[in-house]
N, C-alpha and C. Protein backbone atom coordinates (compact mmCIF):
# COMPACT_ATOMS: atom_id res chain seq x y z
N MET A 1 7.12 -8.28 -37.86
CA MET A 1 8.44 -8.53 -38.39
C MET A 1 9.15 -7.19 -38.59
N VAL A 2 10.38 -7.13 -38.21
CA VAL A 2 11.17 -5.91 -38.34
C VAL A 2 11.64 -5.78 -39.79
N PRO A 3 11.44 -4.58 -40.39
CA PRO A 3 11.87 -4.43 -41.79
C PRO A 3 13.39 -4.48 -41.92
N ARG A 4 13.82 -4.99 -43.03
CA ARG A 4 15.25 -5.09 -43.32
C ARG A 4 15.77 -3.70 -43.67
N ARG A 5 16.91 -3.34 -43.14
CA ARG A 5 17.49 -2.03 -43.39
C ARG A 5 18.35 -2.07 -44.64
N SER A 6 18.37 -0.92 -45.33
CA SER A 6 19.24 -0.84 -46.50
C SER A 6 20.67 -0.54 -46.07
N GLN A 7 20.81 0.17 -44.92
CA GLN A 7 22.13 0.46 -44.39
C GLN A 7 22.34 -0.31 -43.09
N VAL A 8 23.58 -0.67 -42.85
CA VAL A 8 23.91 -1.43 -41.65
C VAL A 8 24.00 -0.48 -40.46
N ASP A 9 23.33 -0.83 -39.39
CA ASP A 9 23.41 -0.08 -38.14
C ASP A 9 24.65 -0.56 -37.39
N PRO A 10 25.57 0.34 -37.01
CA PRO A 10 26.82 -0.09 -36.37
C PRO A 10 26.62 -0.90 -35.09
N LEU A 11 25.70 -0.46 -34.23
CA LEU A 11 25.46 -1.21 -33.00
C LEU A 11 24.84 -2.57 -33.30
N ALA A 12 23.87 -2.59 -34.22
CA ALA A 12 23.25 -3.86 -34.60
C ALA A 12 24.28 -4.80 -35.22
N ALA A 13 25.22 -4.25 -35.99
CA ALA A 13 26.27 -5.07 -36.59
C ALA A 13 27.18 -5.67 -35.51
N SER A 14 27.49 -4.89 -34.47
CA SER A 14 28.32 -5.39 -33.37
C SER A 14 27.61 -6.51 -32.62
N ILE A 15 26.33 -6.30 -32.34
CA ILE A 15 25.54 -7.33 -31.65
C ILE A 15 25.44 -8.58 -32.54
N GLY A 16 25.17 -8.36 -33.82
CA GLY A 16 25.06 -9.49 -34.75
C GLY A 16 26.35 -10.30 -34.84
N ALA A 17 27.48 -9.59 -34.87
CA ALA A 17 28.77 -10.29 -34.93
C ALA A 17 28.98 -11.12 -33.67
N ARG A 18 28.54 -10.59 -32.54
CA ARG A 18 28.68 -11.32 -31.27
C ARG A 18 27.79 -12.56 -31.28
N VAL A 19 26.57 -12.42 -31.78
CA VAL A 19 25.66 -13.57 -31.88
C VAL A 19 26.27 -14.64 -32.80
N ARG A 20 26.78 -14.21 -33.95
CA ARG A 20 27.40 -15.15 -34.89
C ARG A 20 28.57 -15.88 -34.25
N SER A 21 29.43 -15.13 -33.54
CA SER A 21 30.59 -15.72 -32.88
C SER A 21 30.17 -16.78 -31.86
N LEU A 22 29.18 -16.45 -31.05
CA LEU A 22 28.71 -17.41 -30.04
C LEU A 22 27.99 -18.59 -30.69
N ARG A 23 27.25 -18.34 -31.75
CA ARG A 23 26.56 -19.43 -32.46
C ARG A 23 27.57 -20.43 -33.02
N GLN A 24 28.63 -19.90 -33.66
CA GLN A 24 29.65 -20.76 -34.23
C GLN A 24 30.43 -21.49 -33.15
N ALA A 25 30.70 -20.82 -32.03
CA ALA A 25 31.42 -21.46 -30.92
C ALA A 25 30.61 -22.62 -30.34
N ASN A 26 29.27 -22.52 -30.43
CA ASN A 26 28.40 -23.59 -29.95
C ASN A 26 28.10 -24.64 -31.01
N GLY A 27 28.68 -24.48 -32.21
CA GLY A 27 28.48 -25.45 -33.28
C GLY A 27 27.07 -25.48 -33.84
N LEU A 28 26.38 -24.35 -33.82
CA LEU A 28 25.00 -24.29 -34.31
C LEU A 28 24.95 -23.66 -35.70
N THR A 29 24.04 -24.16 -36.53
CA THR A 29 23.82 -23.55 -37.83
C THR A 29 22.81 -22.42 -37.68
N LEU A 30 22.74 -21.57 -38.71
CA LEU A 30 21.73 -20.51 -38.72
C LEU A 30 20.33 -21.11 -38.56
N ALA A 31 20.05 -22.15 -39.34
CA ALA A 31 18.72 -22.76 -39.33
C ALA A 31 18.37 -23.33 -37.95
N LYS A 32 19.32 -24.01 -37.33
CA LYS A 32 19.05 -24.65 -36.04
C LYS A 32 18.82 -23.60 -34.95
N LEU A 33 19.68 -22.57 -34.87
CA LEU A 33 19.51 -21.54 -33.84
C LEU A 33 18.22 -20.76 -34.07
N ALA A 34 17.92 -20.43 -35.32
CA ALA A 34 16.69 -19.70 -35.63
C ALA A 34 15.46 -20.49 -35.19
N ALA A 35 15.45 -21.77 -35.52
CA ALA A 35 14.30 -22.61 -35.18
C ALA A 35 14.17 -22.78 -33.66
N GLU A 36 15.28 -23.04 -32.98
CA GLU A 36 15.24 -23.29 -31.53
C GLU A 36 14.95 -22.03 -30.71
N SER A 37 15.25 -20.86 -31.27
CA SER A 37 15.00 -19.63 -30.51
C SER A 37 13.69 -18.95 -30.92
N GLY A 38 12.96 -19.57 -31.85
CA GLY A 38 11.65 -19.04 -32.22
C GLY A 38 11.68 -17.89 -33.21
N LEU A 39 12.78 -17.73 -33.93
CA LEU A 39 12.84 -16.68 -34.95
C LEU A 39 12.07 -17.12 -36.18
N ALA A 40 11.66 -16.14 -36.99
CA ALA A 40 10.83 -16.42 -38.16
C ALA A 40 11.53 -17.33 -39.16
N SER A 41 12.83 -17.10 -39.38
CA SER A 41 13.55 -17.90 -40.37
C SER A 41 15.05 -17.75 -40.17
N LYS A 42 15.79 -18.58 -40.88
CA LYS A 42 17.24 -18.43 -40.81
C LYS A 42 17.68 -17.14 -41.51
N GLY A 43 16.90 -16.67 -42.49
CA GLY A 43 17.19 -15.38 -43.14
C GLY A 43 17.07 -14.22 -42.15
N HIS A 44 16.12 -14.33 -41.25
CA HIS A 44 15.94 -13.31 -40.21
C HIS A 44 17.18 -13.27 -39.31
N LEU A 45 17.65 -14.44 -38.90
CA LEU A 45 18.85 -14.52 -38.07
C LEU A 45 20.07 -14.03 -38.84
N SER A 46 20.15 -14.35 -40.13
CA SER A 46 21.27 -13.87 -40.95
C SER A 46 21.27 -12.35 -41.04
N ASP A 47 20.09 -11.75 -41.23
CA ASP A 47 19.99 -10.29 -41.26
C ASP A 47 20.43 -9.69 -39.93
N LEU A 48 20.05 -10.34 -38.84
CA LEU A 48 20.45 -9.88 -37.50
C LEU A 48 21.97 -9.95 -37.36
N GLU A 49 22.55 -11.06 -37.76
CA GLU A 49 24.00 -11.24 -37.63
C GLU A 49 24.80 -10.25 -38.48
N HIS A 50 24.22 -9.77 -39.57
CA HIS A 50 24.92 -8.84 -40.45
C HIS A 50 24.54 -7.37 -40.19
N GLY A 51 23.74 -7.11 -39.16
CA GLY A 51 23.38 -5.75 -38.79
C GLY A 51 22.35 -5.11 -39.69
N ARG A 52 21.63 -5.91 -40.46
CA ARG A 52 20.62 -5.36 -41.36
C ARG A 52 19.27 -5.18 -40.67
N LEU A 53 19.15 -5.64 -39.44
CA LEU A 53 17.97 -5.36 -38.64
C LEU A 53 18.38 -5.17 -37.19
N VAL A 54 17.63 -4.37 -36.49
CA VAL A 54 17.90 -4.12 -35.08
C VAL A 54 17.03 -5.07 -34.27
N PRO A 55 17.65 -5.98 -33.53
CA PRO A 55 16.87 -6.98 -32.80
C PRO A 55 16.15 -6.38 -31.60
N THR A 56 15.03 -6.99 -31.26
CA THR A 56 14.30 -6.58 -30.06
C THR A 56 14.95 -7.24 -28.84
N VAL A 57 14.64 -6.74 -27.69
CA VAL A 57 15.17 -7.32 -26.45
C VAL A 57 14.66 -8.76 -26.31
N GLY A 58 13.41 -9.00 -26.68
CA GLY A 58 12.87 -10.36 -26.62
C GLY A 58 13.62 -11.34 -27.51
N THR A 59 13.98 -10.89 -28.71
CA THR A 59 14.75 -11.73 -29.62
C THR A 59 16.12 -12.02 -29.04
N LEU A 60 16.77 -10.99 -28.50
CA LEU A 60 18.10 -11.19 -27.91
C LEU A 60 18.04 -12.12 -26.71
N GLN A 61 16.98 -12.00 -25.90
CA GLN A 61 16.84 -12.88 -24.74
C GLN A 61 16.66 -14.32 -25.18
N ALA A 62 15.86 -14.55 -26.21
CA ALA A 62 15.66 -15.91 -26.73
C ALA A 62 16.97 -16.49 -27.27
N LEU A 63 17.72 -15.66 -28.01
CA LEU A 63 19.01 -16.12 -28.54
C LEU A 63 19.99 -16.42 -27.41
N ALA A 64 20.06 -15.54 -26.42
CA ALA A 64 20.98 -15.74 -25.30
C ALA A 64 20.65 -17.04 -24.57
N SER A 65 19.37 -17.29 -24.38
CA SER A 65 18.95 -18.52 -23.70
C SER A 65 19.40 -19.76 -24.46
N LYS A 66 19.20 -19.75 -25.78
CA LYS A 66 19.60 -20.91 -26.58
C LYS A 66 21.12 -21.04 -26.73
N LEU A 67 21.83 -19.91 -26.62
CA LEU A 67 23.30 -19.95 -26.71
C LEU A 67 23.95 -20.23 -25.36
N GLY A 68 23.13 -20.27 -24.30
CA GLY A 68 23.66 -20.58 -22.96
C GLY A 68 24.45 -19.44 -22.34
N VAL A 69 24.08 -18.20 -22.68
CA VAL A 69 24.76 -17.04 -22.12
C VAL A 69 23.73 -16.07 -21.54
N GLU A 70 24.22 -15.07 -20.85
CA GLU A 70 23.36 -14.01 -20.35
C GLU A 70 23.09 -13.01 -21.47
N LEU A 71 22.00 -12.28 -21.36
CA LEU A 71 21.68 -11.24 -22.33
C LEU A 71 22.84 -10.25 -22.48
N LEU A 72 23.47 -9.91 -21.37
CA LEU A 72 24.60 -8.99 -21.38
C LEU A 72 25.71 -9.46 -22.31
N ASP A 73 25.92 -10.76 -22.38
CA ASP A 73 26.99 -11.31 -23.22
C ASP A 73 26.79 -11.03 -24.70
N LEU A 74 25.57 -10.73 -25.11
CA LEU A 74 25.33 -10.40 -26.51
C LEU A 74 25.57 -8.92 -26.79
N LEU A 75 25.61 -8.12 -25.75
CA LEU A 75 25.72 -6.67 -25.92
C LEU A 75 27.13 -6.13 -25.78
N ILE A 76 28.05 -6.96 -25.34
CA ILE A 76 29.43 -6.49 -25.16
C ILE A 76 30.24 -6.72 -26.43
N ILE A 77 31.29 -5.93 -26.56
CA ILE A 77 32.22 -6.07 -27.68
C ILE A 77 33.60 -6.25 -27.06
N PRO A 78 34.04 -7.49 -26.85
CA PRO A 78 35.27 -7.75 -26.11
C PRO A 78 36.51 -7.02 -26.63
N ASP A 79 36.57 -6.74 -27.92
CA ASP A 79 37.73 -6.04 -28.47
C ASP A 79 37.65 -4.54 -28.23
N LYS A 80 36.52 -4.05 -27.74
CA LYS A 80 36.31 -2.62 -27.59
C LYS A 80 37.10 -2.01 -26.44
N ASN A 81 37.03 -2.62 -25.29
CA ASN A 81 37.77 -2.09 -24.13
C ASN A 81 37.98 -3.18 -23.09
N PRO A 82 38.85 -2.93 -22.13
CA PRO A 82 39.17 -3.95 -21.12
C PRO A 82 37.96 -4.40 -20.29
N ARG A 83 37.04 -3.48 -20.04
CA ARG A 83 35.86 -3.85 -19.24
C ARG A 83 35.02 -4.89 -19.97
N HIS A 84 34.82 -4.70 -21.26
CA HIS A 84 34.07 -5.68 -22.05
C HIS A 84 34.82 -7.01 -22.10
N ARG A 85 36.15 -6.93 -22.20
CA ARG A 85 36.95 -8.16 -22.20
C ARG A 85 36.80 -8.91 -20.89
N LEU A 86 36.79 -8.16 -19.78
CA LEU A 86 36.63 -8.78 -18.47
C LEU A 86 35.27 -9.47 -18.35
N ILE A 87 34.23 -8.82 -18.86
CA ILE A 87 32.90 -9.43 -18.83
C ILE A 87 32.90 -10.70 -19.66
N ALA A 88 33.52 -10.66 -20.84
CA ALA A 88 33.59 -11.85 -21.70
C ALA A 88 34.36 -12.98 -21.02
N GLN A 89 35.45 -12.63 -20.35
CA GLN A 89 36.25 -13.65 -19.66
C GLN A 89 35.49 -14.29 -18.50
N SER A 90 34.61 -13.51 -17.88
CA SER A 90 33.89 -14.03 -16.71
C SER A 90 32.74 -14.96 -17.10
N SER A 91 32.33 -14.91 -18.35
CA SER A 91 31.22 -15.75 -18.80
C SER A 91 31.57 -17.23 -18.67
N GLY A 92 30.73 -17.94 -17.98
CA GLY A 92 30.92 -19.37 -17.84
C GLY A 92 31.83 -19.81 -16.70
N LEU A 93 32.37 -18.85 -15.96
CA LEU A 93 33.22 -19.24 -14.83
C LEU A 93 32.37 -19.82 -13.70
N PRO A 94 32.92 -20.77 -12.97
CA PRO A 94 32.17 -21.31 -11.82
C PRO A 94 32.00 -20.24 -10.74
N ASP A 95 30.95 -20.36 -9.96
CA ASP A 95 30.64 -19.37 -8.92
C ASP A 95 31.79 -19.10 -7.95
N PRO A 96 32.52 -20.11 -7.47
CA PRO A 96 33.60 -19.80 -6.53
C PRO A 96 34.67 -18.88 -7.14
N VAL A 97 34.96 -19.07 -8.42
CA VAL A 97 35.94 -18.21 -9.09
C VAL A 97 35.38 -16.80 -9.21
N MET A 98 34.12 -16.68 -9.60
CA MET A 98 33.48 -15.36 -9.71
C MET A 98 33.48 -14.64 -8.37
N LEU A 99 33.17 -15.36 -7.31
CA LEU A 99 33.14 -14.75 -5.97
C LEU A 99 34.54 -14.27 -5.56
N ARG A 100 35.56 -15.05 -5.90
CA ARG A 100 36.94 -14.63 -5.60
C ARG A 100 37.30 -13.37 -6.38
N TRP A 101 36.94 -13.33 -7.67
CA TRP A 101 37.19 -12.14 -8.49
C TRP A 101 36.48 -10.92 -7.91
N LEU A 102 35.24 -11.11 -7.52
CA LEU A 102 34.47 -9.99 -6.96
C LEU A 102 35.09 -9.47 -5.67
N THR A 103 35.52 -10.39 -4.81
CA THR A 103 36.15 -9.99 -3.55
C THR A 103 37.42 -9.20 -3.82
N GLU A 104 38.23 -9.68 -4.74
CA GLU A 104 39.46 -8.97 -5.09
C GLU A 104 39.16 -7.61 -5.73
N ALA A 105 38.16 -7.56 -6.58
CA ALA A 105 37.81 -6.31 -7.26
C ALA A 105 37.29 -5.27 -6.28
N GLU A 106 36.54 -5.70 -5.29
CA GLU A 106 35.99 -4.77 -4.31
C GLU A 106 37.07 -4.15 -3.44
N GLU A 107 38.22 -4.80 -3.34
CA GLU A 107 39.32 -4.27 -2.55
C GLU A 107 40.19 -3.28 -3.33
N LEU A 108 40.02 -3.22 -4.63
CA LEU A 108 40.82 -2.31 -5.45
C LEU A 108 40.33 -0.88 -5.32
N PRO A 109 41.26 0.08 -5.36
CA PRO A 109 40.81 1.47 -5.36
C PRO A 109 40.20 1.79 -6.72
N VAL A 110 39.05 2.43 -6.68
CA VAL A 110 38.34 2.75 -7.91
C VAL A 110 38.06 4.24 -7.92
N ARG A 111 38.30 4.86 -9.07
CA ARG A 111 38.01 6.28 -9.18
C ARG A 111 36.50 6.48 -9.15
N PRO A 112 36.07 7.54 -8.50
CA PRO A 112 34.63 7.78 -8.46
C PRO A 112 34.12 8.17 -9.84
N GLY A 113 32.92 7.80 -10.13
CA GLY A 113 32.34 8.14 -11.41
C GLY A 113 31.03 7.43 -11.61
N PRO A 114 30.37 7.72 -12.70
CA PRO A 114 29.05 7.15 -12.94
C PRO A 114 29.07 5.66 -13.23
N THR A 115 30.23 5.07 -13.54
CA THR A 115 30.26 3.66 -13.88
C THR A 115 30.28 2.76 -12.66
N ARG A 116 30.58 3.30 -11.49
CA ARG A 116 30.65 2.48 -10.28
C ARG A 116 29.29 2.47 -9.61
N MET A 117 28.76 1.30 -9.41
CA MET A 117 27.45 1.14 -8.78
C MET A 117 27.65 0.64 -7.35
N THR A 118 27.70 1.55 -6.39
CA THR A 118 27.86 1.16 -5.01
C THR A 118 26.74 1.76 -4.20
N PRO A 119 26.42 1.15 -3.07
CA PRO A 119 25.38 1.73 -2.23
C PRO A 119 25.84 3.09 -1.72
N ALA A 120 24.90 3.99 -1.54
CA ALA A 120 25.23 5.33 -1.05
C ALA A 120 25.72 5.24 0.39
N LYS A 121 26.71 6.09 0.71
CA LYS A 121 27.23 6.10 2.07
C LYS A 121 26.23 6.80 2.97
N LYS A 122 26.09 6.30 4.18
CA LYS A 122 25.19 6.92 5.13
C LYS A 122 25.84 8.18 5.68
N ALA A 123 25.02 9.19 5.88
CA ALA A 123 25.51 10.42 6.47
C ALA A 123 25.79 10.15 7.94
N PRO A 124 26.81 10.83 8.52
CA PRO A 124 27.08 10.61 9.93
C PRO A 124 25.88 11.00 10.77
N ALA A 125 25.71 10.28 11.85
CA ALA A 125 24.58 10.55 12.74
C ALA A 125 24.71 11.96 13.32
N LYS A 126 23.58 12.66 13.38
CA LYS A 126 23.60 14.02 13.92
C LYS A 126 23.60 13.95 15.44
N THR A 127 24.45 14.76 16.02
CA THR A 127 24.49 14.85 17.47
C THR A 127 23.73 16.09 17.88
N ALA A 128 23.46 16.24 19.15
CA ALA A 128 22.74 17.41 19.65
C ALA A 128 23.53 18.67 19.35
N LYS A 129 24.87 18.58 19.40
CA LYS A 129 25.72 19.75 19.16
C LYS A 129 25.63 20.20 17.71
N THR A 130 25.69 19.25 16.74
CA THR A 130 25.62 19.63 15.33
C THR A 130 24.22 20.10 14.96
N THR A 131 23.19 19.53 15.59
CA THR A 131 21.82 19.96 15.32
C THR A 131 21.61 21.38 15.81
N ALA A 132 22.10 21.69 17.00
CA ALA A 132 21.95 23.04 17.55
C ALA A 132 22.70 24.05 16.69
N LYS A 133 23.88 23.68 16.23
CA LYS A 133 24.67 24.57 15.37
C LYS A 133 23.94 24.83 14.05
N ALA A 134 23.33 23.81 13.48
CA ALA A 134 22.62 23.95 12.22
C ALA A 134 21.42 24.87 12.37
N THR A 135 20.70 24.77 13.49
CA THR A 135 19.52 25.63 13.65
C THR A 135 19.94 27.06 13.91
N THR A 136 21.07 27.26 14.57
CA THR A 136 21.55 28.61 14.82
C THR A 136 21.96 29.28 13.51
N THR A 137 22.65 28.56 12.64
CA THR A 137 23.09 29.15 11.38
C THR A 137 21.95 29.24 10.39
N ALA A 138 20.90 28.46 10.58
CA ALA A 138 19.78 28.49 9.65
C ALA A 138 18.92 29.73 9.83
N LYS A 139 18.98 30.37 11.01
CA LYS A 139 18.19 31.56 11.23
C LYS A 139 18.75 32.68 10.37
N ALA A 140 17.91 33.20 9.53
CA ALA A 140 18.38 34.26 8.63
C ALA A 140 18.05 35.61 9.22
N THR A 141 18.92 36.55 9.00
CA THR A 141 18.62 37.91 9.45
C THR A 141 17.69 38.52 8.43
N PRO A 142 16.72 39.32 8.90
CA PRO A 142 15.77 39.89 7.95
C PRO A 142 16.48 40.81 6.97
N ALA A 143 16.03 40.78 5.75
CA ALA A 143 16.63 41.61 4.71
C ALA A 143 16.18 43.05 4.90
N LYS A 144 17.07 43.96 4.61
CA LYS A 144 16.72 45.37 4.72
C LYS A 144 15.80 45.72 3.57
N THR A 145 14.77 46.50 3.90
CA THR A 145 13.89 46.95 2.83
C THR A 145 14.28 48.36 2.45
N THR A 146 14.36 48.57 1.19
CA THR A 146 14.73 49.89 0.69
C THR A 146 13.56 50.45 -0.09
N LYS A 147 13.63 51.72 -0.36
CA LYS A 147 12.56 52.33 -1.13
C LYS A 147 12.45 51.69 -2.50
N ALA A 148 13.57 51.35 -3.08
CA ALA A 148 13.56 50.73 -4.41
C ALA A 148 12.86 49.39 -4.37
N ALA A 149 13.03 48.67 -3.27
CA ALA A 149 12.44 47.35 -3.16
C ALA A 149 10.94 47.44 -2.92
N THR A 150 10.47 48.50 -2.24
CA THR A 150 9.05 48.59 -1.93
C THR A 150 8.29 49.42 -2.94
N LYS A 151 8.97 50.16 -3.78
CA LYS A 151 8.33 51.02 -4.76
C LYS A 151 7.76 50.15 -5.89
N PRO A 152 6.48 50.35 -6.26
CA PRO A 152 5.91 49.52 -7.33
C PRO A 152 6.53 49.89 -8.67
N PRO A 153 6.53 48.97 -9.62
CA PRO A 153 7.08 49.25 -10.93
C PRO A 153 6.34 50.42 -11.57
N ALA A 154 7.01 51.11 -12.47
CA ALA A 154 6.46 52.31 -13.09
C ALA A 154 5.16 52.03 -13.84
N HIS A 155 5.01 50.83 -14.39
CA HIS A 155 3.82 50.52 -15.18
C HIS A 155 2.65 50.08 -14.32
N ALA A 156 2.86 49.85 -13.04
CA ALA A 156 1.79 49.34 -12.19
C ALA A 156 0.70 50.39 -12.06
N GLY A 157 -0.51 49.98 -12.14
CA GLY A 157 -1.65 50.86 -11.96
C GLY A 157 -2.08 51.58 -13.21
N ARG A 158 -1.29 51.57 -14.24
CA ARG A 158 -1.69 52.23 -15.48
C ARG A 158 -2.69 51.37 -16.23
N ARG A 159 -3.60 52.04 -16.86
CA ARG A 159 -4.58 51.31 -17.65
C ARG A 159 -4.27 51.48 -19.12
N ARG A 160 -4.54 50.44 -19.82
CA ARG A 160 -4.36 50.51 -21.27
C ARG A 160 -5.55 51.22 -21.88
N SER A 161 -5.29 51.92 -22.91
CA SER A 161 -6.35 52.62 -23.60
C SER A 161 -7.21 51.59 -24.34
N THR A 162 -8.53 51.76 -24.23
CA THR A 162 -9.42 50.83 -24.90
C THR A 162 -9.96 51.43 -26.19
N ARG A 163 -9.54 52.65 -26.51
CA ARG A 163 -10.03 53.27 -27.74
C ARG A 163 -9.39 52.60 -28.95
N SER A 164 -10.14 52.43 -29.97
CA SER A 164 -9.58 51.88 -31.20
C SER A 164 -9.09 53.03 -32.08
N GLY A 165 -8.22 52.69 -32.98
CA GLY A 165 -7.57 53.69 -33.84
C GLY A 165 -8.54 54.44 -34.73
N SER A 166 -9.69 53.98 -35.11
CA SER A 166 -10.58 54.70 -36.01
C SER A 166 -11.97 54.17 -35.99
């Protein structure tokens, strides 16, 4: 059992508020959702909803299953930004509508960045001409050796004294 926190964790509070909102939208009581999702008690679910405990992924998955949503739907905060709102709006849409949205979204210009998950572009096929050019430029000219480069460091070859001080 996860210990109850004395201070509210902001992320846990956001997740808890989302769980509460979805529970109420489904007309479920604390007791009924707790029992159907395998939680220890309705008090445990209440602590989760108020951010007094940080839920495990297993707990969130059980709650999502009983609420009829994806796990992701418990982790978003629709009022936070447009992307979260879009995810919330897409929840429960029929597949044909989702596929139409995806097709339209894929045609939009998107700025590059870490949030876009697209397959990596293939490098252009190498031709004999580009391969020959690459090998020609890859040949390095030998570096000039200077006396400074070949001269050993001043401390090289010196031995430390093994005599003790007294």
